Protein backbone atom coordinates (compact mmCIF):
# COMPACT_ATOMS: atom_id res chain seq x y z
CA GLN A 1 -16.66 87.23 -55.15
CA VAL A 2 -15.39 90.75 -54.68
CA GLN A 3 -14.87 92.63 -57.95
CA LEU A 4 -13.62 96.14 -58.57
CA VAL A 5 -13.67 97.35 -62.17
CA GLU A 6 -12.10 100.69 -63.05
CA SER A 7 -12.83 102.71 -66.16
CA GLY A 8 -12.38 106.22 -67.50
CA GLY A 9 -8.65 106.41 -68.04
CA GLY A 10 -7.04 107.70 -71.20
CA LEU A 11 -4.74 110.23 -72.79
CA VAL A 12 -5.29 113.86 -71.86
CA GLN A 13 -3.36 117.08 -72.35
CA PRO A 14 -1.87 118.96 -69.41
CA GLY A 15 -4.56 121.04 -67.75
CA GLY A 16 -7.29 118.67 -68.86
CA SER A 17 -9.74 116.58 -66.87
CA LEU A 18 -10.77 112.96 -66.51
CA ARG A 19 -13.26 111.15 -64.32
CA LEU A 20 -12.42 107.64 -63.21
CA SER A 21 -15.08 105.20 -62.08
CA CYS A 22 -14.82 102.03 -60.05
CA ALA A 23 -17.80 99.68 -60.12
CA ALA A 24 -17.90 97.35 -57.13
CA SER A 25 -19.69 94.07 -56.57
CA GLY A 26 -19.60 91.03 -54.33
CA PHE A 27 -19.72 92.86 -50.99
CA ILE A 28 -21.86 95.32 -49.07
CA PHE A 29 -20.58 98.48 -50.68
CA ASP A 30 -22.00 101.05 -48.30
CA ARG A 31 -20.25 99.45 -45.34
CA ASN A 32 -16.74 99.86 -46.73
CA ALA A 33 -14.35 102.74 -47.19
CA MET A 34 -12.90 103.00 -50.67
CA SER A 35 -9.72 104.46 -52.01
CA TRP A 36 -7.81 105.25 -55.18
CA TYR A 37 -4.13 104.48 -55.57
CA ARG A 38 -1.77 105.07 -58.45
CA GLN A 39 1.50 103.63 -59.63
CA ALA A 40 3.86 105.27 -62.08
CA PRO A 41 6.57 103.25 -63.88
CA GLY A 42 9.47 102.55 -61.56
CA LYS A 43 7.68 103.95 -58.52
CA ASP A 44 5.81 102.49 -55.57
CA ARG A 45 2.04 102.43 -55.53
CA GLU A 46 0.75 105.44 -53.59
CA LEU A 47 -2.52 106.47 -52.02
CA VAL A 48 -4.24 109.23 -53.99
CA ALA A 49 -7.55 109.64 -52.19
CA GLY A 50 -9.87 107.83 -49.79
CA ILE A 51 -13.51 108.11 -48.82
CA SER A 52 -15.45 106.74 -45.86
CA SER A 53 -18.34 104.33 -46.23
CA ALA A 54 -21.02 107.04 -46.11
CA GLY A 55 -18.92 109.51 -48.06
CA ARG A 56 -18.69 112.06 -45.27
CA ILE A 57 -14.92 111.83 -44.78
CA THR A 58 -12.36 112.19 -47.54
CA GLU A 59 -8.60 112.38 -47.63
CA TYR A 60 -6.08 113.26 -50.32
CA THR A 61 -2.39 113.08 -50.84
CA ASP A 62 -0.88 116.56 -50.85
CA SER A 63 0.03 116.56 -54.53
CA VAL A 64 -3.61 116.28 -55.66
CA LYS A 65 -5.37 118.46 -53.08
CA GLY A 66 -7.50 121.09 -54.78
CA ARG A 67 -7.35 119.27 -58.11
CA PHE A 68 -8.88 115.81 -57.48
CA THR A 69 -12.20 114.96 -55.86
CA ILE A 70 -13.24 111.52 -54.65
CA SER A 71 -16.93 110.72 -54.34
CA ARG A 72 -19.22 107.72 -54.20
CA ASP A 73 -22.74 106.73 -55.14
CA ASN A 74 -23.80 103.95 -52.79
CA ALA A 75 -26.98 103.35 -54.79
CA LYS A 76 -24.80 102.48 -57.80
CA ASN A 77 -22.00 100.74 -55.90
CA THR A 78 -19.54 103.07 -57.59
CA VAL A 79 -16.71 105.30 -56.45
CA TYR A 80 -15.39 108.12 -58.61
CA LEU A 81 -12.25 110.18 -58.93
CA GLN A 82 -12.68 113.51 -60.67
CA MET A 83 -9.28 114.75 -61.80
CA ASN A 84 -8.87 118.34 -62.92
CA SER A 85 -5.85 120.43 -63.89
CA LEU A 86 -3.96 117.27 -64.73
CA LYS A 87 -0.18 117.39 -64.85
CA PRO A 88 2.33 115.09 -66.58
CA GLU A 89 3.36 113.83 -63.15
CA ASP A 90 -0.15 112.46 -62.68
CA THR A 91 0.61 109.88 -65.36
CA ALA A 92 0.17 106.45 -63.81
CA ALA A 93 -2.01 103.39 -63.61
CA TYR A 94 -4.86 104.15 -61.22
CA TYR A 95 -6.32 101.45 -59.00
CA CYS A 96 -9.43 101.16 -56.91
CA ARG A 97 -9.01 99.47 -53.53
CA THR A 98 -11.08 98.33 -50.60
CA ARG A 99 -10.43 96.42 -47.40
CA ILE A 100 -12.91 93.93 -46.03
CA ILE A 101 -11.96 92.83 -42.51
CA GLU A 102 -8.35 91.72 -43.09
CA ASP A 103 -8.45 91.22 -46.86
CA ILE A 104 -7.47 93.88 -49.37
CA TYR A 105 -8.94 93.90 -52.85
CA TRP A 106 -7.71 95.74 -55.94
CA GLY A 107 -9.15 96.44 -59.33
CA GLN A 108 -7.22 95.75 -62.51
CA GLY A 109 -6.31 99.42 -62.96
CA THR A 110 -6.89 102.05 -65.60
CA GLN A 111 -4.11 103.98 -67.29
CA VAL A 112 -4.00 107.77 -67.18
CA THR A 113 -1.49 109.50 -69.42
CA VAL A 114 -1.04 113.27 -69.29
CA SER A 115 0.95 114.49 -72.25
CA SER A 116 0.89 117.09 -74.98
């Protein structure tokens, strides 16, 4: 079965960095686009970044452009989110997501808290 397992979240001070990882299994990883979403308390889940199956095309929500970088290692079935210059407003649960035909799959999420 499809599994997405996020890791790498934690507490970081403003201006700090974190790298999130999402290990995927149960499907042909290099045939699927991947994305990161986040959800802050009381807010809707929002797209943060996406990457095409081969990694050639990426997209970012405006608020993270220039600070976050999405990448993938198809040999390791893993997608990453490098987050730099973190701000308190980046505090949220971060989720890995993929779509296979008409089905959408989510990981369990990893919490990122940016606070001094």
